[in-house]
């Protein structure tokens, strides 16, 4: 229905920056929310940031406010996550996700990318 492909993950030192990209294809007309979520090893998947695809409103987890910025290019069906001032606790697999409703909870997202590893060294 909707296919999502993430890119941009990698290894970075604490305090550094990284930019993730997610390209959507398929039935993209049904997307209401594009989001980024992450799952650290041994932990549950958690919400990071979300973007209302039509209105442009953004939402962030408290843990990343002031450091991460979500943005999108509707013409390219692409969403980005700019990550600054990275911390070791940001280390996780980062997933791009799409929902057909307004969404911040992981369970609200129907479509998921394959994930991209972000590792922050101390």
PDB file of N, CA and C in Angstrom:
ATOM      1  N   UNK A   1       0.844  -1.203   0.000  1.00  0.00           N
ATOM      2  CA  UNK A   1       0.000   0.000   0.000  1.00  0.00           C
ATOM      3  C   UNK A   1       0.873   1.244   0.000  1.00  0.00           C
ATOM      4  N   UNK A   2       1.696   1.401   1.036  1.00  0.00           N
ATOM      5  CA  UNK A   2       2.671   2.466   1.135  1.00  0.00           C
ATOM      6  C   UNK A   2       4.017   1.840   1.446  1.00  0.00           C
ATOM      7  N   UNK A   3       5.017   2.223   0.700  1.00  0.00           N
ATOM      8  CA  UNK A   3       6.372   1.747   0.928  1.00  0.00           C
ATOM      9  C   UNK A   3       7.239   2.894   1.424  1.00  0.00           C
ATOM     10  N   UNK A   4       8.044   2.614   2.435  1.00  0.00           N
ATOM     11  CA  UNK A   4       8.901   3.623   3.042  1.00  0.00           C
ATOM     12  C   UNK A   4      10.329   3.104   3.082  1.00  0.00           C
ATOM     13  N   UNK A   5      11.267   3.937   2.668  1.00  0.00           N
ATOM     14  CA  UNK A   5      12.673   3.560   2.655  1.00  0.00           C
ATOM     15  C   UNK A   5      13.483   4.634   3.348  1.00  0.00           C
ATOM     16  N   UNK A   6      14.147   4.265   4.453  1.00  0.00           N
ATOM     17  CA  UNK A   6      14.982   5.196   5.205  1.00  0.00           C
ATOM     18  C   UNK A   6      16.419   5.148   4.714  1.00  0.00           C
ATOM     19  N   UNK A   7      17.118   6.250   4.931  1.00  0.00           N
ATOM     20  CA  UNK A   7      18.541   6.305   4.655  1.00  0.00           C
ATOM     21  C   UNK A   7      19.168   7.372   5.539  1.00  0.00           C
ATOM     22  N   UNK A   8      20.481   7.338   5.656  1.00  0.00           N
ATOM     23  CA  UNK A   8      21.202   8.377   6.377  1.00  0.00           C
ATOM     24  C   UNK A   8      21.743   7.977   7.726  1.00  0.00           C
ATOM     25  N   UNK A   9      21.456   6.776   8.179  1.00  0.00           N
ATOM     26  CA  UNK A   9      21.980   6.337   9.457  1.00  0.00           C
ATOM     27  C   UNK A   9      23.478   6.107   9.392  1.00  0.00           C
ATOM     28  N   UNK A  10      24.071   5.955  10.564  1.00  0.00           N
ATOM     29  CA  UNK A  10      25.500   5.720  10.621  1.00  0.00           C
ATOM     30  C   UNK A  10      26.046   5.905  12.006  1.00  0.00           C
ATOM     31  N   UNK A  11      27.358   6.008  12.079  1.00  0.00           N
ATOM     32  CA  UNK A  11      28.073   6.181  13.335  1.00  0.00           C
ATOM     33  C   UNK A  11      28.524   7.627  13.469  1.00  0.00           C
ATOM     34  N   UNK A  12      28.252   8.219  14.623  1.00  0.00           N
ATOM     35  CA  UNK A  12      28.627   9.600  14.868  1.00  0.00           C
ATOM     36  C   UNK A  12      29.043   9.756  16.325  1.00  0.00           C
ATOM     37  N   UNK A  13      29.940  10.682  16.595  1.00  0.00           N
ATOM     38  CA  UNK A  13      30.360  10.944  17.961  1.00  0.00           C
ATOM     39  C   UNK A  13      29.345  11.805  18.691  1.00  0.00           C
ATOM     40  N   UNK A  14      29.312  11.676  20.003  1.00  0.00           N
ATOM     41  CA  UNK A  14      28.429  12.503  20.817  1.00  0.00           C
ATOM     42  C   UNK A  14      28.655  13.983  20.515  1.00  0.00           C
ATOM     43  N   UNK A  15      27.550  14.717  20.398  1.00  0.00           N
ATOM     44  CA  UNK A  15      27.617  16.121  20.044  1.00  0.00           C
ATOM     45  C   UNK A  15      27.527  16.380  18.559  1.00  0.00           C
ATOM     46  N   UNK A  16      27.626  15.344  17.768  1.00  0.00           N
ATOM     47  CA  UNK A  16      27.578  15.481  16.329  1.00  0.00           C
ATOM     48  C   UNK A  16      26.165  15.522  15.788  1.00  0.00           C
ATOM     49  N   UNK A  17      26.067  15.559  14.468  1.00  0.00           N
ATOM     50  CA  UNK A  17      24.782  15.668  13.791  1.00  0.00           C
ATOM     51  C   UNK A  17      24.640  14.599  12.724  1.00  0.00           C
ATOM     52  N   UNK A  18      23.395  14.294  12.417  1.00  0.00           N
ATOM     53  CA  UNK A  18      23.078  13.318  11.393  1.00  0.00           C
ATOM     54  C   UNK A  18      21.716  13.688  10.810  1.00  0.00           C
ATOM     55  N   UNK A  19      21.530  13.430   9.536  1.00  0.00           N
ATOM     56  CA  UNK A  19      20.256  13.710   8.883  1.00  0.00           C
ATOM     57  C   UNK A  19      19.710  12.442   8.242  1.00  0.00           C
ATOM     58  N   UNK A  20      18.525  12.053   8.650  1.00  0.00           N
ATOM     59  CA  UNK A  20      17.857  10.893   8.097  1.00  0.00           C
ATOM     60  C   UNK A  20      16.841  11.317   7.049  1.00  0.00           C
ATOM     61  N   UNK A  21      16.668  10.488   6.039  1.00  0.00           N
ATOM     62  CA  UNK A  21      15.677  10.730   4.998  1.00  0.00           C
ATOM     63  C   UNK A  21      14.775   9.520   4.864  1.00  0.00           C
ATOM     64  N   UNK A  22      13.548   9.753   4.451  1.00  0.00           N
ATOM     65  CA  UNK A  22      12.592   8.683   4.227  1.00  0.00           C
ATOM     66  C   UNK A  22      11.776   9.007   2.991  1.00  0.00           C
ATOM     67  N   UNK A  23      11.840   8.136   2.005  1.00  0.00           N
ATOM     68  CA  UNK A  23      11.093   8.314   0.770  1.00  0.00           C
ATOM     69  C   UNK A  23       9.874   7.404   0.771  1.00  0.00           C
ATOM     70  N   UNK A  24       8.715   7.976   0.510  1.00  0.00           N
ATOM     71  CA  UNK A  24       7.464   7.231   0.480  1.00  0.00           C
ATOM     72  C   UNK A  24       6.994   7.025  -0.951  1.00  0.00           C
ATOM     73  N   UNK A  25       6.401   5.872  -1.198  1.00  0.00           N
ATOM     74  CA  UNK A  25       5.834   5.578  -2.505  1.00  0.00           C
ATOM     75  C   UNK A  25       4.586   4.726  -2.320  1.00  0.00           C
ATOM     76  N   UNK A  26       3.855   4.525  -3.401  1.00  0.00           N
ATOM     77  CA  UNK A  26       2.629   3.760  -3.335  1.00  0.00           C
ATOM     78  C   UNK A  26       1.430   4.675  -3.126  1.00  0.00           C
ATOM     79  N   UNK A  27       0.545   4.279  -2.217  1.00  0.00           N
ATOM     80  CA  UNK A  27      -0.683   5.021  -1.960  1.00  0.00           C
ATOM     81  C   UNK A  27      -0.438   6.179  -0.992  1.00  0.00           C
ATOM     82  N   UNK A  28       0.438   7.083  -1.389  1.00  0.00           N
ATOM     83  CA  UNK A  28       0.839   8.171  -0.501  1.00  0.00           C
ATOM     84  C   UNK A  28      -0.272   9.179  -0.253  1.00  0.00           C
ATOM     85  N   UNK A  29      -1.300   9.175  -1.084  1.00  0.00           N
ATOM     86  CA  UNK A  29      -2.414  10.104  -0.901  1.00  0.00           C
ATOM     87  C   UNK A  29      -3.165   9.848   0.396  1.00  0.00           C
ATOM     88  N   UNK A  30      -3.015   8.654   0.943  1.00  0.00           N
ATOM     89  CA  UNK A  30      -3.716   8.297   2.166  1.00  0.00           C
ATOM     90  C   UNK A  30      -2.982   8.724   3.434  1.00  0.00           C
ATOM     91  N   UNK A  31      -1.775   9.231   3.315  1.00  0.00           N
ATOM     92  CA  UNK A  31      -0.963   9.564   4.479  1.00  0.00           C
ATOM     93  C   UNK A  31      -1.455  10.848   5.142  1.00  0.00           C
ATOM     94  N   UNK A  32      -1.665  10.772   6.438  1.00  0.00           N
ATOM     95  CA  UNK A  32      -2.018  11.933   7.248  1.00  0.00           C
ATOM     96  C   UNK A  32      -0.822  12.393   8.074  1.00  0.00           C
ATOM     97  N   UNK A  33      -0.105  11.436   8.655  1.00  0.00           N
ATOM     98  CA  UNK A  33       1.040  11.740   9.500  1.00  0.00           C
ATOM     99  C   UNK A  33       2.257  10.953   9.048  1.00  0.00           C
ATOM    100  N   UNK A  34       3.380  11.629   8.959  1.00  0.00           N
ATOM    101  CA  UNK A  34       4.663  10.981   8.760  1.00  0.00           C
ATOM    102  C   UNK A  34       5.444  11.123  10.052  1.00  0.00           C
ATOM    103  N   UNK A  35       6.045  10.055  10.491  1.00  0.00           N
ATOM    104  CA  UNK A  35       6.728  10.092  11.768  1.00  0.00           C
ATOM    105  C   UNK A  35       8.051   9.367  11.770  1.00  0.00           C
ATOM    106  N   UNK A  36       8.826   9.659  12.797  1.00  0.00           N
ATOM    107  CA  UNK A  36      10.052   8.932  13.087  1.00  0.00           C
ATOM    108  C   UNK A  36       9.914   8.318  14.470  1.00  0.00           C
ATOM    109  N   UNK A  37      10.246   7.067  14.559  1.00  0.00           N
ATOM    110  CA  UNK A  37      10.228   6.333  15.812  1.00  0.00           C
ATOM    111  C   UNK A  37      11.517   5.548  15.912  1.00  0.00           C
ATOM    112  N   UNK A  38      11.874   5.163  17.122  1.00  0.00           N
ATOM    113  CA  UNK A  38      13.141   4.461  17.295  1.00  0.00           C
ATOM    114  C   UNK A  38      13.002   3.347  18.306  1.00  0.00           C
ATOM    115  N   UNK A  39      13.898   2.385  18.185  1.00  0.00           N
ATOM    116  CA  UNK A  39      13.924   1.272  19.112  1.00  0.00           C
ATOM    117  C   UNK A  39      15.368   0.974  19.485  1.00  0.00           C
ATOM    118  N   UNK A  40      15.694   1.221  20.741  1.00  0.00           N
ATOM    119  CA  UNK A  40      17.009   0.887  21.257  1.00  0.00           C
ATOM    120  C   UNK A  40      17.042  -0.592  21.614  1.00  0.00           C
ATOM    121  N   UNK A  41      18.228  -1.163  21.611  1.00  0.00           N
ATOM    122  CA  UNK A  41      18.381  -2.575  21.913  1.00  0.00           C
ATOM    123  C   UNK A  41      17.842  -2.896  23.302  1.00  0.00           C
ATOM    124  N   UNK A  42      16.947  -3.859  23.357  1.00  0.00           N
ATOM    125  CA  UNK A  42      16.368  -4.267  24.622  1.00  0.00           C
ATOM    126  C   UNK A  42      15.238  -3.400  25.120  1.00  0.00           C
ATOM    127  N   UNK A  43      14.831  -2.398  24.341  1.00  0.00           N
ATOM    128  CA  UNK A  43      13.772  -1.504  24.765  1.00  0.00           C
ATOM    129  C   UNK A  43      12.619  -1.511  23.763  1.00  0.00           C
ATOM    130  N   UNK A  44      11.491  -0.982  24.188  1.00  0.00           N
ATOM    131  CA  UNK A  44      10.325  -0.879  23.323  1.00  0.00           C
ATOM    132  C   UNK A  44      10.494   0.249  22.313  1.00  0.00           C
ATOM    133  N   UNK A  45       9.780   0.129  21.224  1.00  0.00           N
ATOM    134  CA  UNK A  45       9.799   1.174  20.226  1.00  0.00           C
ATOM    135  C   UNK A  45       9.137   2.430  20.792  1.00  0.00           C
ATOM    136  N   UNK A  46       9.736   3.597  20.536  1.00  0.00           N
ATOM    137  CA  UNK A  46       9.204   4.828  21.083  1.00  0.00           C
ATOM    138  C   UNK A  46       9.085   5.921  20.023  1.00  0.00           C
ATOM    139  N   UNK A  47       8.158   6.806  20.257  1.00  0.00           N
ATOM    140  CA  UNK A  47       7.926   7.936  19.379  1.00  0.00           C
ATOM    141  C   UNK A  47       9.056   8.943  19.484  1.00  0.00           C
ATOM    142  N   UNK A  48       9.453   9.510  18.348  1.00  0.00           N
ATOM    143  CA  UNK A  48      10.489  10.533  18.308  1.00  0.00           C
ATOM    144  C   UNK A  48       9.925  11.865  17.805  1.00  0.00           C
ATOM    145  N   UNK A  49       9.342  11.849  16.618  1.00  0.00           N
ATOM    146  CA  UNK A  49       8.835  13.080  16.021  1.00  0.00           C
ATOM    147  C   UNK A  49       7.774  12.753  14.984  1.00  0.00           C
ATOM    148  N   UNK A  50       6.860  13.685  14.757  1.00  0.00           N
ATOM    149  CA  UNK A  50       5.808  13.497  13.765  1.00  0.00           C
ATOM    150  C   UNK A  50       5.523  14.796  13.041  1.00  0.00           C
ATOM    151  N   UNK A  51       5.062  14.656  11.817  1.00  0.00           N
ATOM    152  CA  UNK A  51       4.731  15.785  10.965  1.00  0.00           C
ATOM    153  C   UNK A  51       3.369  15.548  10.351  1.00  0.00           C
ATOM    154  N   UNK A  52       2.459  16.516  10.534  1.00  0.00           N
ATOM    155  CA  UNK A  52       1.185  16.449   9.837  1.00  0.00           C
ATOM    156  C   UNK A  52       1.430  16.776   8.374  1.00  0.00           C
ATOM    157  N   UNK A  53       1.115  15.818   7.509  1.00  0.00           N
ATOM    158  CA  UNK A  53       1.515  15.917   6.110  1.00  0.00           C
ATOM    159  C   UNK A  53       0.851  17.058   5.359  1.00  0.00           C
ATOM    160  N   UNK A  54      -0.365  17.390   5.726  1.00  0.00           N
ATOM    161  CA  UNK A  54      -1.075  18.460   5.037  1.00  0.00           C
ATOM    162  C   UNK A  54      -0.956  19.804   5.738  1.00  0.00           C
ATOM    163  N   UNK A  55      -0.969  19.796   7.071  1.00  0.00           N
ATOM    164  CA  UNK A  55      -0.954  21.041   7.817  1.00  0.00           C
ATOM    165  C   UNK A  55       0.421  21.531   8.233  1.00  0.00           C
ATOM    166  N   UNK A  56       1.381  20.615   8.326  1.00  0.00           N
ATOM    167  CA  UNK A  56       2.735  20.992   8.673  1.00  0.00           C
ATOM    168  C   UNK A  56       3.039  21.063  10.157  1.00  0.00           C
ATOM    169  N   UNK A  57       2.065  20.774  11.010  1.00  0.00           N
ATOM    170  CA  UNK A  57       2.313  20.794  12.448  1.00  0.00           C
ATOM    171  C   UNK A  57       3.312  19.708  12.817  1.00  0.00           C
ATOM    172  N   UNK A  58       4.160  20.000  13.779  1.00  0.00           N
ATOM    173  CA  UNK A  58       5.170  19.046  14.220  1.00  0.00           C
ATOM    174  C   UNK A  58       5.010  18.723  15.691  1.00  0.00           C
ATOM    175  N   UNK A  59       5.462  17.535  16.061  1.00  0.00           N
ATOM    176  CA  UNK A  59       5.370  17.054  17.427  1.00  0.00           C
ATOM    177  C   UNK A  59       6.653  16.312  17.752  1.00  0.00           C
ATOM    178  N   UNK A  60       7.123  16.471  18.991  1.00  0.00           N
ATOM    179  CA  UNK A  60       8.381  15.868  19.389  1.00  0.00           C
ATOM    180  C   UNK A  60       8.272  15.219  20.758  1.00  0.00           C
ATOM    181  N   UNK A  61       9.004  14.138  20.914  1.00  0.00           N
ATOM    182  CA  UNK A  61       9.177  13.577  22.239  1.00  0.00           C
ATOM    183  C   UNK A  61      10.007  14.547  23.077  1.00  0.00           C
ATOM    184  N   UNK A  62       9.731  14.582  24.373  1.00  0.00           N
ATOM    185  CA  UNK A  62      10.461  15.494  25.251  1.00  0.00           C
ATOM    186  C   UNK A  62      11.974  15.264  25.193  1.00  0.00           C
ATOM    187  N   UNK A  63      12.376  14.036  24.990  1.00  0.00           N
ATOM    188  CA  UNK A  63      13.789  13.688  25.002  1.00  0.00           C
ATOM    189  C   UNK A  63      14.578  14.274  23.834  1.00  0.00           C
ATOM    190  N   UNK A  64      13.892  14.706  22.780  1.00  0.00           N
ATOM    191  CA  UNK A  64      14.589  15.220  21.601  1.00  0.00           C
ATOM    192  C   UNK A  64      14.253  16.675  21.287  1.00  0.00           C
ATOM    193  N   UNK A  65      13.353  17.282  22.029  1.00  0.00           N
ATOM    194  CA  UNK A  65      12.981  18.673  21.781  1.00  0.00           C
ATOM    195  C   UNK A  65      14.199  19.582  21.863  1.00  0.00           C
ATOM    196  N   UNK A  66      14.316  20.467  20.888  1.00  0.00           N
ATOM    197  CA  UNK A  66      15.436  21.384  20.842  1.00  0.00           C
ATOM    198  C   UNK A  66      16.663  20.822  20.166  1.00  0.00           C
ATOM    199  N   UNK A  67      16.678  19.527  19.900  1.00  0.00           N
ATOM    200  CA  UNK A  67      17.819  18.886  19.256  1.00  0.00           C
ATOM    201  C   UNK A  67      17.475  18.319  17.877  1.00  0.00           C
ATOM    202  N   UNK A  68      16.275  17.774  17.744  1.00  0.00           N
ATOM    203  CA  UNK A  68      15.851  17.152  16.489  1.00  0.00           C
ATOM    204  C   UNK A  68      14.814  18.029  15.797  1.00  0.00           C
ATOM    205  N   UNK A  69      14.806  18.000  14.474  1.00  0.00           N
ATOM    206  CA  UNK A  69      13.825  18.721  13.685  1.00  0.00           C
ATOM    207  C   UNK A  69      13.298  17.820  12.585  1.00  0.00           C
ATOM    208  N   UNK A  70      11.976  17.682  12.520  1.00  0.00           N
ATOM    209  CA  UNK A  70      11.356  16.923  11.444  1.00  0.00           C
ATOM    210  C   UNK A  70      10.848  17.899  10.388  1.00  0.00           C
ATOM    211  N   UNK A  71      11.009  17.543   9.138  1.00  0.00           N
ATOM    212  CA  UNK A  71      10.532  18.362   8.039  1.00  0.00           C
ATOM    213  C   UNK A  71      10.155  17.461   6.876  1.00  0.00           C
ATOM    214  N   UNK A  72       9.458  18.019   5.906  1.00  0.00           N
ATOM    215  CA  UNK A  72       9.041  17.213   4.778  1.00  0.00           C
ATOM    216  C   UNK A  72       9.003  17.993   3.487  1.00  0.00           C
ATOM    217  N   UNK A  73       9.088  17.269   2.405  1.00  0.00           N
ATOM    218  CA  UNK A  73       8.953  17.808   1.059  1.00  0.00           C
ATOM    219  C   UNK A  73       7.822  17.030   0.415  1.00  0.00           C
ATOM    220  N   UNK A  74       6.625  17.617   0.400  1.00  0.00           N
ATOM    221  CA  UNK A  74       5.453  16.913  -0.111  1.00  0.00           C
ATOM    222  C   UNK A  74       5.595  16.541  -1.585  1.00  0.00           C
ATOM    223  N   UNK A  75       6.217  17.415  -2.365  1.00  0.00           N
ATOM    224  CA  UNK A  75       6.383  17.150  -3.782  1.00  0.00           C
ATOM    225  C   UNK A  75       7.235  15.920  -4.029  1.00  0.00           C
ATOM    226  N   UNK A  76       8.176  15.666  -3.144  1.00  0.00           N
ATOM    227  CA  UNK A  76       9.064  14.513  -3.272  1.00  0.00           C
ATOM    228  C   UNK A  76       8.614  13.331  -2.428  1.00  0.00           C
ATOM    229  N   UNK A  77       7.517  13.499  -1.679  1.00  0.00           N
ATOM    230  CA  UNK A  77       7.052  12.461  -0.762  1.00  0.00           C
ATOM    231  C   UNK A  77       8.185  11.982   0.144  1.00  0.00           C
ATOM    232  N   UNK A  78       8.890  12.944   0.693  1.00  0.00           N
ATOM    233  CA  UNK A  78      10.058  12.644   1.506  1.00  0.00           C
ATOM    234  C   UNK A  78       9.991  13.392   2.831  1.00  0.00           C
ATOM    235  N   UNK A  79      10.339  12.702   3.902  1.00  0.00           N
ATOM    236  CA  UNK A  79      10.403  13.307   5.220  1.00  0.00           C
ATOM    237  C   UNK A  79      11.827  13.187   5.739  1.00  0.00           C
ATOM    238  N   UNK A  80      12.254  14.172   6.524  1.00  0.00           N
ATOM    239  CA  UNK A  80      13.612  14.226   7.031  1.00  0.00           C
ATOM    240  C   UNK A  80      13.607  14.339   8.547  1.00  0.00           C
ATOM    241  N   UNK A  81      14.680  13.892   9.140  1.00  0.00           N
ATOM    242  CA  UNK A  81      14.903  14.106  10.557  1.00  0.00           C
ATOM    243  C   UNK A  81      16.329  14.614  10.736  1.00  0.00           C
ATOM    244  N   UNK A  82      16.442  15.889  11.075  1.00  0.00           N
ATOM    245  CA  UNK A  82      17.741  16.480  11.365  1.00  0.00           C
ATOM    246  C   UNK A  82      18.020  16.284  12.844  1.00  0.00           C
ATOM    247  N   UNK A  83      19.106  15.610  13.162  1.00  0.00           N
ATOM    248  CA  UNK A  83      19.457  15.294  14.535  1.00  0.00           C
ATOM    249  C   UNK A  83      20.749  16.006  14.891  1.00  0.00           C
ATOM    250  N   UNK A  84      20.665  16.899  15.862  1.00  0.00           N
ATOM    251  CA  UNK A  84      21.820  17.643  16.337  1.00  0.00           C
ATOM    252  C   UNK A  84      22.088  17.309  17.795  1.00  0.00           C
ATOM    253  N   UNK A  85      23.283  17.656  18.249  1.00  0.00           N
ATOM    254  CA  UNK A  85      23.673  17.426  19.646  1.00  0.00           C
ATOM    255  C   UNK A  85      23.365  16.004  20.080  1.00  0.00           C
ATOM    256  N   UNK A  86      23.760  15.064  19.264  1.00  0.00           N
ATOM    257  CA  UNK A  86      23.439  13.671  19.527  1.00  0.00           C
ATOM    258  C   UNK A  86      24.110  13.158  20.795  1.00  0.00           C
ATOM    259  N   UNK A  87      23.393  12.290  21.482  1.00  0.00           N
ATOM    260  CA  UNK A  87      23.844  11.692  22.725  1.00  0.00           C
ATOM    261  C   UNK A  87      23.918  10.180  22.567  1.00  0.00           C
ATOM    262  N   UNK A  88      24.741   9.510  23.366  1.00  0.00           N
ATOM    263  CA  UNK A  88      24.787   8.048  23.283  1.00  0.00           C
ATOM    264  C   UNK A  88      23.417   7.401  23.463  1.00  0.00           C
ATOM    265  N   UNK A  89      22.565   7.988  24.280  1.00  0.00           N
ATOM    266  CA  UNK A  89      21.237   7.427  24.493  1.00  0.00           C
ATOM    267  C   UNK A  89      20.319   7.557  23.285  1.00  0.00           C
ATOM    268  N   UNK A  90      20.748   8.280  22.253  1.00  0.00           N
ATOM    269  CA  UNK A  90      20.006   8.335  21.000  1.00  0.00           C
ATOM    270  C   UNK A  90      20.273   7.114  20.126  1.00  0.00           C
ATOM    271  N   UNK A  91      21.228   6.298  20.502  1.00  0.00           N
ATOM    272  CA  UNK A  91      21.557   5.105  19.736  1.00  0.00           C
ATOM    273  C   UNK A  91      20.342   4.188  19.642  1.00  0.00           C
ATOM    274  N   UNK A  92      19.961   3.850  18.425  1.00  0.00           N
ATOM    275  CA  UNK A  92      18.782   3.023  18.203  1.00  0.00           C
ATOM    276  C   UNK A  92      18.640   2.760  16.709  1.00  0.00           C
ATOM    277  N   UNK A  93      17.732   1.857  16.383  1.00  0.00           N
ATOM    278  CA  UNK A  93      17.276   1.734  15.010  1.00  0.00           C
ATOM    279  C   UNK A  93      16.149   2.740  14.835  1.00  0.00           C
ATOM    280  N   UNK A  94      16.277   3.593  13.851  1.00  0.00           N
ATOM    281  CA  UNK A  94      15.283   4.617  13.588  1.00  0.00           C
ATOM    282  C   UNK A  94      14.391   4.186  12.435  1.00  0.00           C
ATOM    283  N   UNK A  95      13.091   4.272  12.661  1.00  0.00           N
ATOM    284  CA  UNK A  95      12.105   3.859  11.676  1.00  0.00           C
ATOM    285  C   UNK A  95      11.299   5.052  11.188  1.00  0.00           C
ATOM    286  N   UNK A  96      11.125   5.134   9.904  1.00  0.00           N
ATOM    287  CA  UNK A  96      10.160   6.033   9.309  1.00  0.00           C
ATOM    288  C   UNK A  96       8.815   5.322   9.298  1.00  0.00           C
ATOM    289  N   UNK A  97       7.742   6.044   9.571  1.00  0.00           N
ATOM    290  CA  UNK A  97       6.425   5.435   9.597  1.00  0.00           C
ATOM    291  C   UNK A  97       5.368   6.408   9.087  1.00  0.00           C
ATOM    292  N   UNK A  98       4.286   5.851   8.569  1.00  0.00           N
ATOM    293  CA  UNK A  98       3.184   6.649   8.047  1.00  0.00           C
ATOM    294  C   UNK A  98       1.871   6.170   8.638  1.00  0.00           C
ATOM    295  N   UNK A  99       1.014   7.124   8.960  1.00  0.00           N
ATOM    296  CA  UNK A  99      -0.295   6.821   9.521  1.00  0.00           C
ATOM    297  C   UNK A  99      -1.385   7.500   8.715  1.00  0.00           C
ATOM    298  N   UNK A 100      -2.560   6.901   8.741  1.00  0.00           N
ATOM    299  CA  UNK A 100      -3.713   7.448   8.042  1.00  0.00           C
ATOM    300  C   UNK A 100      -4.582   8.301   8.957  1.00  0.00           C
ATOM    301  N   UNK A 101      -4.095   8.538  10.164  1.00  0.00           N
ATOM    302  CA  UNK A 101      -4.726   9.426  11.131  1.00  0.00           C
ATOM    303  C   UNK A 101      -3.649  10.298  11.754  1.00  0.00           C
ATOM    304  N   UNK A 102      -4.046  11.279  12.563  1.00  0.00           N
ATOM    305  CA  UNK A 102      -3.085  11.999  13.376  1.00  0.00           C
ATOM    306  C   UNK A 102      -2.501  11.015  14.368  1.00  0.00           C
ATOM    307  N   UNK A 103      -1.182  10.992  14.488  1.00  0.00           N
ATOM    308  CA  UNK A 103      -0.556   9.930  15.260  1.00  0.00           C
ATOM    309  C   UNK A 103       0.747  10.358  15.912  1.00  0.00           C
ATOM    310  N   UNK A 104       0.917   9.944  17.161  1.00  0.00           N
ATOM    311  CA  UNK A 104       2.196  10.028  17.846  1.00  0.00           C
ATOM    312  C   UNK A 104       2.563   8.688  18.476  1.00  0.00           C
ATOM    313  N   UNK A 105       1.577   7.897  18.849  1.00  0.00           N
ATOM    314  CA  UNK A 105       1.819   6.587  19.429  1.00  0.00           C
ATOM    315  C   UNK A 105       2.293   5.610  18.355  1.00  0.00           C
ATOM    316  N   UNK A 106       3.283   4.780  18.651  1.00  0.00           N
ATOM    317  CA  UNK A 106       3.746   3.795  17.672  1.00  0.00           C
ATOM    318  C   UNK A 106       2.635   2.917  17.117  1.00  0.00           C
ATOM    319  N   UNK A 107       1.666   2.569  17.956  1.00  0.00           N
ATOM    320  CA  UNK A 107       0.586   1.686  17.528  1.00  0.00           C
ATOM    321  C   UNK A 107      -0.335   2.326  16.496  1.00  0.00           C
ATOM    322  N   UNK A 108      -0.278   3.635  16.341  1.00  0.00           N
ATOM    323  CA  UNK A 108      -1.147   4.330  15.405  1.00  0.00           C
ATOM    324  C   UNK A 108      -0.621   4.317  13.974  1.00  0.00           C
ATOM    325  N   UNK A 109       0.609   3.901  13.794  1.00  0.00           N
ATOM    326  CA  UNK A 109       1.214   3.899  12.463  1.00  0.00           C
ATOM    327  C   UNK A 109       0.985   2.570  11.757  1.00  0.00           C
ATOM    328  N   UNK A 110       0.506   2.662  10.530  1.00  0.00           N
ATOM    329  CA  UNK A 110       0.201   1.470   9.761  1.00  0.00           C
ATOM    330  C   UNK A 110       1.385   0.988   8.922  1.00  0.00           C
ATOM    331  N   UNK A 111       2.141   1.920   8.366  1.00  0.00           N
ATOM    332  CA  UNK A 111       3.215   1.578   7.445  1.00  0.00           C
ATOM    333  C   UNK A 111       4.563   1.924   8.032  1.00  0.00           C
ATOM    334  N   UNK A 112       5.521   1.043   7.821  1.00  0.00           N
ATOM    335  CA  UNK A 112       6.838   1.173   8.424  1.00  0.00           C
ATOM    336  C   UNK A 112       7.943   0.918   7.418  1.00  0.00           C
ATOM    337  N   UNK A 113       9.030   1.667   7.553  1.00  0.00           N
ATOM    338  CA  UNK A 113      10.225   1.388   6.791  1.00  0.00           C
ATOM    339  C   UNK A 113      11.010   0.265   7.431  1.00  0.00           C
ATOM    340  N   UNK A 114      12.126  -0.081   6.826  1.00  0.00           N
ATOM    341  CA  UNK A 114      12.930  -1.201   7.301  1.00  0.00           C
ATOM    342  C   UNK A 114      13.831  -0.829   8.472  1.00  0.00           C
ATOM    343  N   UNK A 115      14.009   0.455   8.719  1.00  0.00           N
ATOM    344  CA  UNK A 115      14.842   0.922   9.804  1.00  0.00           C
ATOM    345  C   UNK A 115      16.260   1.225   9.364  1.00  0.00           C
ATOM    346  N   UNK A 116      16.878   2.190  10.018  1.00  0.00           N
ATOM    347  CA  UNK A 116      18.270   2.528   9.771  1.00  0.00           C
ATOM    348  C   UNK A 116      18.966   2.730  11.113  1.00  0.00           C
ATOM    349  N   UNK A 117      20.142   2.142  11.250  1.00  0.00           N
ATOM    350  CA  UNK A 117      20.859   2.167  12.520  1.00  0.00           C
ATOM    351  C   UNK A 117      21.557   3.502  12.723  1.00  0.00           C
ATOM    352  N   UNK A 118      21.354   4.086  13.898  1.00  0.00           N
ATOM    353  CA  UNK A 118      22.075   5.273  14.325  1.00  0.00           C
ATOM    354  C   UNK A 118      22.845   4.910  15.587  1.00  0.00           C
ATOM    355  N   UNK A 119      24.148   5.074  15.544  1.00  0.00           N
ATOM    356  CA  UNK A 119      24.988   4.768  16.694  1.00  0.00           C
ATOM    357  C   UNK A 119      25.766   6.011  17.085  1.00  0.00           C
ATOM    358  N   UNK A 120      25.643   6.411  18.339  1.00  0.00           N
ATOM    359  CA  UNK A 120      26.321   7.594  18.855  1.00  0.00           C
ATOM    360  C   UNK A 120      27.342   7.146  19.879  1.00  0.00           C
ATOM    361  N   UNK A 121      28.596   7.407  19.620  1.00  0.00           N
ATOM    362  CA  UNK A 121      29.664   7.003  20.518  1.00  0.00           C
ATOM    363  C   UNK A 121      29.978   8.117  21.506  1.00  0.00           C
ATOM    364  N   UNK A 122      30.433   7.739  22.691  1.00  0.00           N
ATOM    365  CA  UNK A 122      30.761   8.705  23.722  1.00  0.00           C
ATOM    366  C   UNK A 122      32.215   9.118  23.654  1.00  0.00           C
TER     367      UNK A 122
END
